[in-house]
Amino acid sequence: MKSIATWLRRWQEPVVWLPALALIAIAAWVVLGALDPASTVDVVARLIELPIQTAYAIAALGLAWLARRRQRRKLSKEEGQELWAGIVAGRRGPLIVYITDTIVWIACVVLLLHFFSP
């Protein structure tokens, strides 16, 4: 029983929260979007496409994370603490490194989301 609880704690995001968020998104779309009588979109077809598009988005985010993990330099613990201390202190160099890394991450996510869009 303890091993099951440990496994669920470790894998709770992909096993519990992602499906729950997908169901909440579908429910919100049905309640807020599909009830419009002027809508010309086929509701059933759109509901079938929504989990597929969610899977595409999850795949794009995963690939972006893997690409950034592979490309970026792995900082040692001391270097990471020094970088964050510089960011908190407001020094220009660490802020530029952080902002550049964030911009590259966002660009990677946007490009992969565009690639996976149907």
N, C-alpha and C. Protein backbone atom coordinates (compact mmCIF):
# COMPACT_ATOMS: atom_id res chain seq x y z
N MET A 1 0.82 -1.19 0.00
CA MET A 1 0.00 0.00 0.00
C MET A 1 0.87 1.26 0.00
N LYS A 2 1.97 1.20 0.74
CA LYS A 2 2.86 2.35 0.80
C LYS A 2 3.52 2.61 -0.55
N SER A 3 3.83 1.54 -1.29
CA SER A 3 4.46 1.72 -2.60
C SER A 3 3.49 2.36 -3.59
N ILE A 4 2.20 2.04 -3.48
CA ILE A 4 1.20 2.67 -4.36
C ILE A 4 1.10 4.15 -4.05
N ALA A 5 1.08 4.50 -2.77
CA ALA A 5 1.01 5.91 -2.38
C ALA A 5 2.26 6.66 -2.84
N THR A 6 3.41 6.03 -2.73
CA THR A 6 4.65 6.65 -3.19
C THR A 6 4.62 6.86 -4.70
N TRP A 7 4.15 5.84 -5.43
CA TRP A 7 4.06 5.95 -6.89
C TRP A 7 3.10 7.06 -7.30
N LEU A 8 1.92 7.13 -6.64
CA LEU A 8 0.96 8.19 -6.96
C LEU A 8 1.51 9.58 -6.64
N ARG A 9 2.24 9.69 -5.53
CA ARG A 9 2.84 10.98 -5.18
C ARG A 9 3.86 11.40 -6.22
N ARG A 10 4.62 10.44 -6.72
CA ARG A 10 5.66 10.76 -7.70
C ARG A 10 5.07 11.10 -9.07
N TRP A 11 4.03 10.39 -9.47
CA TRP A 11 3.47 10.55 -10.81
C TRP A 11 2.10 11.23 -10.79
N GLN A 12 1.81 12.04 -9.78
CA GLN A 12 0.48 12.62 -9.66
C GLN A 12 0.15 13.61 -10.77
N GLU A 13 1.13 14.33 -11.28
CA GLU A 13 0.83 15.29 -12.33
C GLU A 13 0.34 14.63 -13.61
N PRO A 14 1.09 13.66 -14.20
CA PRO A 14 0.57 13.07 -15.44
C PRO A 14 -0.60 12.11 -15.23
N VAL A 15 -0.68 11.48 -14.05
CA VAL A 15 -1.71 10.46 -13.84
C VAL A 15 -3.02 11.07 -13.34
N VAL A 16 -2.93 12.08 -12.49
CA VAL A 16 -4.13 12.62 -11.87
C VAL A 16 -4.49 13.99 -12.42
N TRP A 17 -3.55 14.93 -12.38
CA TRP A 17 -3.90 16.32 -12.65
C TRP A 17 -4.10 16.61 -14.13
N LEU A 18 -3.30 16.05 -15.02
CA LEU A 18 -3.50 16.33 -16.44
C LEU A 18 -4.84 15.81 -16.96
N PRO A 19 -5.23 14.57 -16.65
CA PRO A 19 -6.57 14.15 -17.08
C PRO A 19 -7.68 14.97 -16.42
N ALA A 20 -7.50 15.33 -15.15
CA ALA A 20 -8.51 16.14 -14.47
C ALA A 20 -8.64 17.51 -15.14
N LEU A 21 -7.51 18.12 -15.48
CA LEU A 21 -7.56 19.42 -16.16
C LEU A 21 -8.17 19.31 -17.55
N ALA A 22 -7.90 18.20 -18.25
CA ALA A 22 -8.52 18.01 -19.56
C ALA A 22 -10.03 17.88 -19.42
N LEU A 23 -10.50 17.14 -18.41
CA LEU A 23 -11.95 17.02 -18.19
C LEU A 23 -12.57 18.35 -17.80
N ILE A 24 -11.88 19.13 -16.98
CA ILE A 24 -12.39 20.45 -16.60
C ILE A 24 -12.46 21.36 -17.83
N ALA A 25 -11.44 21.29 -18.69
CA ALA A 25 -11.45 22.10 -19.92
C ALA A 25 -12.60 21.72 -20.84
N ILE A 26 -12.84 20.42 -20.97
CA ILE A 26 -13.95 19.96 -21.82
C ILE A 26 -15.28 20.40 -21.21
N ALA A 27 -15.43 20.25 -19.90
CA ALA A 27 -16.67 20.67 -19.25
C ALA A 27 -16.89 22.17 -19.39
N ALA A 28 -15.83 22.95 -19.21
CA ALA A 28 -15.96 24.40 -19.36
C ALA A 28 -16.31 24.77 -20.79
N TRP A 29 -15.72 24.07 -21.74
CA TRP A 29 -16.03 24.36 -23.15
C TRP A 29 -17.48 24.03 -23.45
N VAL A 30 -17.96 22.91 -22.93
CA VAL A 30 -19.35 22.53 -23.16
C VAL A 30 -20.30 23.55 -22.53
N VAL A 31 -20.02 23.91 -21.29
CA VAL A 31 -20.92 24.82 -20.58
C VAL A 31 -20.87 26.22 -21.17
N LEU A 32 -19.66 26.72 -21.45
CA LEU A 32 -19.53 28.10 -21.88
C LEU A 32 -19.58 28.30 -23.39
N GLY A 33 -19.11 27.32 -24.17
CA GLY A 33 -19.00 27.54 -25.60
C GLY A 33 -20.01 26.80 -26.45
N ALA A 34 -20.33 25.61 -26.05
CA ALA A 34 -21.18 24.79 -26.91
C ALA A 34 -22.65 25.12 -26.78
N LEU A 35 -23.02 25.92 -25.83
CA LEU A 35 -24.43 26.25 -25.65
C LEU A 35 -24.89 27.41 -26.51
N ASP A 36 -23.99 27.98 -27.29
CA ASP A 36 -24.35 29.10 -28.15
C ASP A 36 -25.18 28.59 -29.33
N PRO A 37 -26.43 29.00 -29.45
CA PRO A 37 -27.26 28.49 -30.54
C PRO A 37 -26.86 29.04 -31.90
N ALA A 38 -26.12 30.13 -31.93
CA ALA A 38 -25.70 30.72 -33.20
C ALA A 38 -24.42 30.07 -33.73
N SER A 39 -23.84 29.17 -32.96
CA SER A 39 -22.60 28.53 -33.37
C SER A 39 -22.83 27.58 -34.54
N THR A 40 -21.92 27.64 -35.51
CA THR A 40 -22.03 26.76 -36.68
C THR A 40 -21.06 25.58 -36.60
N VAL A 41 -20.36 25.46 -35.48
CA VAL A 41 -19.37 24.39 -35.31
C VAL A 41 -20.10 23.12 -34.84
N ASP A 42 -19.71 21.97 -35.40
CA ASP A 42 -20.26 20.70 -34.96
C ASP A 42 -19.72 20.40 -33.56
N VAL A 43 -20.61 20.38 -32.58
CA VAL A 43 -20.20 20.27 -31.18
C VAL A 43 -19.55 18.91 -30.91
N VAL A 44 -20.10 17.85 -31.42
CA VAL A 44 -19.55 16.52 -31.16
C VAL A 44 -18.16 16.38 -31.76
N ALA A 45 -17.98 16.86 -32.99
CA ALA A 45 -16.66 16.79 -33.62
C ALA A 45 -15.65 17.63 -32.84
N ARG A 46 -16.06 18.78 -32.37
CA ARG A 46 -15.16 19.64 -31.61
C ARG A 46 -14.78 18.98 -30.29
N LEU A 47 -15.73 18.32 -29.64
CA LEU A 47 -15.43 17.62 -28.39
C LEU A 47 -14.49 16.45 -28.61
N ILE A 48 -14.59 15.81 -29.76
CA ILE A 48 -13.67 14.71 -30.08
C ILE A 48 -12.27 15.25 -30.35
N GLU A 49 -12.16 16.43 -30.97
CA GLU A 49 -10.86 17.01 -31.29
C GLU A 49 -10.14 17.59 -30.08
N LEU A 50 -10.87 18.02 -29.08
CA LEU A 50 -10.27 18.71 -27.94
C LEU A 50 -9.24 17.87 -27.19
N PRO A 51 -9.50 16.60 -26.84
CA PRO A 51 -8.45 15.80 -26.18
C PRO A 51 -7.25 15.56 -27.09
N ILE A 52 -7.49 15.45 -28.40
CA ILE A 52 -6.38 15.25 -29.33
C ILE A 52 -5.50 16.49 -29.36
N GLN A 53 -6.11 17.67 -29.41
CA GLN A 53 -5.32 18.91 -29.40
C GLN A 53 -4.61 19.09 -28.07
N THR A 54 -5.23 18.65 -26.98
CA THR A 54 -4.57 18.69 -25.68
C THR A 54 -3.34 17.78 -25.67
N ALA A 55 -3.47 16.60 -26.26
CA ALA A 55 -2.32 15.69 -26.35
C ALA A 55 -1.21 16.29 -27.21
N TYR A 56 -1.58 16.96 -28.31
CA TYR A 56 -0.58 17.65 -29.13
C TYR A 56 0.14 18.72 -28.31
N ALA A 57 -0.61 19.49 -27.54
CA ALA A 57 0.01 20.55 -26.73
C ALA A 57 0.93 19.96 -25.67
N ILE A 58 0.53 18.86 -25.05
CA ILE A 58 1.37 18.21 -24.05
C ILE A 58 2.64 17.68 -24.70
N ALA A 59 2.51 17.10 -25.90
CA ALA A 59 3.69 16.60 -26.62
C ALA A 59 4.62 17.76 -26.98
N ALA A 60 4.05 18.88 -27.42
CA ALA A 60 4.88 20.03 -27.77
C ALA A 60 5.62 20.57 -26.55
N LEU A 61 4.93 20.66 -25.41
CA LEU A 61 5.59 21.15 -24.20
C LEU A 61 6.69 20.18 -23.75
N GLY A 62 6.43 18.89 -23.84
CA GLY A 62 7.43 17.91 -23.47
C GLY A 62 8.66 17.97 -24.36
N LEU A 63 8.44 18.09 -25.66
CA LEU A 63 9.57 18.20 -26.58
C LEU A 63 10.34 19.51 -26.37
N ALA A 64 9.63 20.59 -26.09
CA ALA A 64 10.31 21.86 -25.81
C ALA A 64 11.17 21.74 -24.55
N TRP A 65 10.62 21.08 -23.53
CA TRP A 65 11.39 20.89 -22.30
C TRP A 65 12.63 20.03 -22.57
N LEU A 66 12.46 18.95 -23.34
CA LEU A 66 13.62 18.10 -23.66
C LEU A 66 14.66 18.85 -24.49
N ALA A 67 14.20 19.66 -25.45
CA ALA A 67 15.14 20.42 -26.28
C ALA A 67 15.91 21.42 -25.43
N ARG A 68 15.22 22.12 -24.55
CA ARG A 68 15.90 23.09 -23.69
C ARG A 68 16.83 22.39 -22.72
N ARG A 69 16.43 21.25 -22.20
CA ARG A 69 17.27 20.51 -21.26
C ARG A 69 18.55 20.04 -21.96
N ARG A 70 18.42 19.61 -23.20
CA ARG A 70 19.58 19.13 -23.96
C ARG A 70 20.50 20.28 -24.35
N GLN A 71 19.91 21.42 -24.70
CA GLN A 71 20.69 22.53 -25.24
C GLN A 71 21.38 23.35 -24.15
N ARG A 72 20.72 23.53 -23.05
CA ARG A 72 21.27 24.45 -22.05
C ARG A 72 22.39 23.81 -21.24
N ARG A 73 23.21 24.67 -20.68
CA ARG A 73 24.34 24.23 -19.86
C ARG A 73 23.83 23.91 -18.46
N LYS A 74 24.23 22.78 -17.96
CA LYS A 74 23.82 22.38 -16.61
C LYS A 74 24.70 23.09 -15.59
N LEU A 75 24.08 23.92 -14.77
CA LEU A 75 24.82 24.65 -13.76
C LEU A 75 25.03 23.78 -12.53
N SER A 76 26.19 23.97 -11.90
CA SER A 76 26.41 23.29 -10.62
C SER A 76 25.55 24.00 -9.57
N LYS A 77 25.47 23.40 -8.40
CA LYS A 77 24.65 23.98 -7.34
C LYS A 77 25.15 25.38 -6.96
N GLU A 78 26.47 25.54 -6.88
CA GLU A 78 27.04 26.83 -6.52
C GLU A 78 26.76 27.88 -7.61
N GLU A 79 26.90 27.47 -8.88
CA GLU A 79 26.65 28.40 -9.99
C GLU A 79 25.17 28.82 -10.02
N GLY A 80 24.27 27.87 -9.75
CA GLY A 80 22.85 28.19 -9.71
C GLY A 80 22.53 29.16 -8.59
N GLN A 81 23.12 28.94 -7.43
CA GLN A 81 22.89 29.85 -6.31
C GLN A 81 23.46 31.23 -6.61
N GLU A 82 24.62 31.28 -7.26
CA GLU A 82 25.22 32.56 -7.65
C GLU A 82 24.34 33.28 -8.67
N LEU A 83 23.80 32.53 -9.63
CA LEU A 83 22.92 33.13 -10.63
C LEU A 83 21.67 33.72 -9.98
N TRP A 84 21.02 32.96 -9.12
CA TRP A 84 19.81 33.46 -8.47
C TRP A 84 20.10 34.61 -7.51
N ALA A 85 21.25 34.57 -6.86
CA ALA A 85 21.62 35.70 -5.99
C ALA A 85 21.80 36.96 -6.83
N GLY A 86 22.40 36.82 -8.02
CA GLY A 86 22.55 37.97 -8.92
C GLY A 86 21.22 38.47 -9.44
N ILE A 87 20.29 37.55 -9.73
CA ILE A 87 18.97 37.96 -10.21
C ILE A 87 18.23 38.70 -9.12
N VAL A 88 18.27 38.17 -7.90
CA VAL A 88 17.58 38.82 -6.78
C VAL A 88 18.21 40.18 -6.48
N ALA A 89 19.54 40.28 -6.62
CA ALA A 89 20.23 41.54 -6.37
C ALA A 89 20.00 42.55 -7.49
N GLY A 90 19.52 42.09 -8.65
CA GLY A 90 19.23 43.00 -9.75
C GLY A 90 20.43 43.31 -10.62
N ARG A 91 21.46 42.46 -10.57
CA ARG A 91 22.62 42.69 -11.43
C ARG A 91 22.26 42.41 -12.87
N ARG A 92 22.88 43.16 -13.77
CA ARG A 92 22.52 43.11 -15.18
C ARG A 92 22.84 41.77 -15.86
N GLY A 93 24.01 41.21 -15.62
CA GLY A 93 24.43 39.98 -16.28
C GLY A 93 23.51 38.80 -16.01
N PRO A 94 23.26 38.47 -14.73
CA PRO A 94 22.35 37.35 -14.46
C PRO A 94 20.93 37.59 -14.97
N LEU A 95 20.46 38.84 -14.93
CA LEU A 95 19.13 39.14 -15.46
C LEU A 95 19.07 38.90 -16.96
N ILE A 96 20.12 39.27 -17.69
CA ILE A 96 20.14 39.05 -19.13
C ILE A 96 20.15 37.55 -19.44
N VAL A 97 20.93 36.79 -18.67
CA VAL A 97 20.95 35.33 -18.86
C VAL A 97 19.57 34.74 -18.61
N TYR A 98 18.92 35.16 -17.55
CA TYR A 98 17.60 34.64 -17.20
C TYR A 98 16.55 35.03 -18.23
N ILE A 99 16.55 36.29 -18.65
CA ILE A 99 15.57 36.76 -19.64
C ILE A 99 15.80 36.08 -20.98
N THR A 100 17.05 35.94 -21.39
CA THR A 100 17.35 35.26 -22.66
C THR A 100 16.89 33.81 -22.61
N ASP A 101 17.16 33.12 -21.52
CA ASP A 101 16.74 31.73 -21.38
C ASP A 101 15.21 31.63 -21.43
N THR A 102 14.52 32.55 -20.80
CA THR A 102 13.06 32.56 -20.81
C THR A 102 12.52 32.81 -22.21
N ILE A 103 13.11 33.75 -22.94
CA ILE A 103 12.66 34.05 -24.29
C ILE A 103 12.88 32.85 -25.21
N VAL A 104 14.02 32.19 -25.08
CA VAL A 104 14.29 31.00 -25.91
C VAL A 104 13.31 29.89 -25.56
N TRP A 105 13.01 29.70 -24.28
CA TRP A 105 12.04 28.68 -23.86
C TRP A 105 10.66 28.97 -24.45
N ILE A 106 10.21 30.21 -24.35
CA ILE A 106 8.90 30.57 -24.89
C ILE A 106 8.87 30.40 -26.41
N ALA A 107 9.95 30.79 -27.09
CA ALA A 107 10.01 30.62 -28.55
C ALA A 107 9.96 29.14 -28.92
N CYS A 108 10.66 28.31 -28.17
CA CYS A 108 10.66 26.87 -28.43
C CYS A 108 9.25 26.30 -28.24
N VAL A 109 8.57 26.69 -27.19
CA VAL A 109 7.21 26.21 -26.94
C VAL A 109 6.26 26.68 -28.05
N VAL A 110 6.36 27.96 -28.43
CA VAL A 110 5.47 28.48 -29.48
C VAL A 110 5.72 27.78 -30.81
N LEU A 111 6.98 27.58 -31.18
CA LEU A 111 7.26 26.91 -32.43
C LEU A 111 6.78 25.46 -32.43
N LEU A 112 6.97 24.76 -31.33
CA LEU A 112 6.49 23.38 -31.27
C LEU A 112 4.97 23.31 -31.22
N LEU A 113 4.32 24.26 -30.55
CA LEU A 113 2.86 24.29 -30.58
C LEU A 113 2.36 24.56 -32.02
N HIS A 114 3.05 25.43 -32.73
CA HIS A 114 2.68 25.68 -34.13
C HIS A 114 2.91 24.42 -34.97
N PHE A 115 4.00 23.71 -34.72
CA PHE A 115 4.28 22.50 -35.47
C PHE A 115 3.21 21.44 -35.23
N PHE A 116 2.77 21.31 -33.98
CA PHE A 116 1.79 20.29 -33.65
C PHE A 116 0.35 20.73 -33.91
N SER A 117 0.13 21.96 -34.28
CA SER A 117 -1.25 22.40 -34.52
C SER A 117 -1.79 21.75 -35.79
N PRO A 118 -3.02 21.29 -35.75
CA PRO A 118 -3.58 20.61 -36.94
C PRO A 118 -3.91 21.58 -38.05
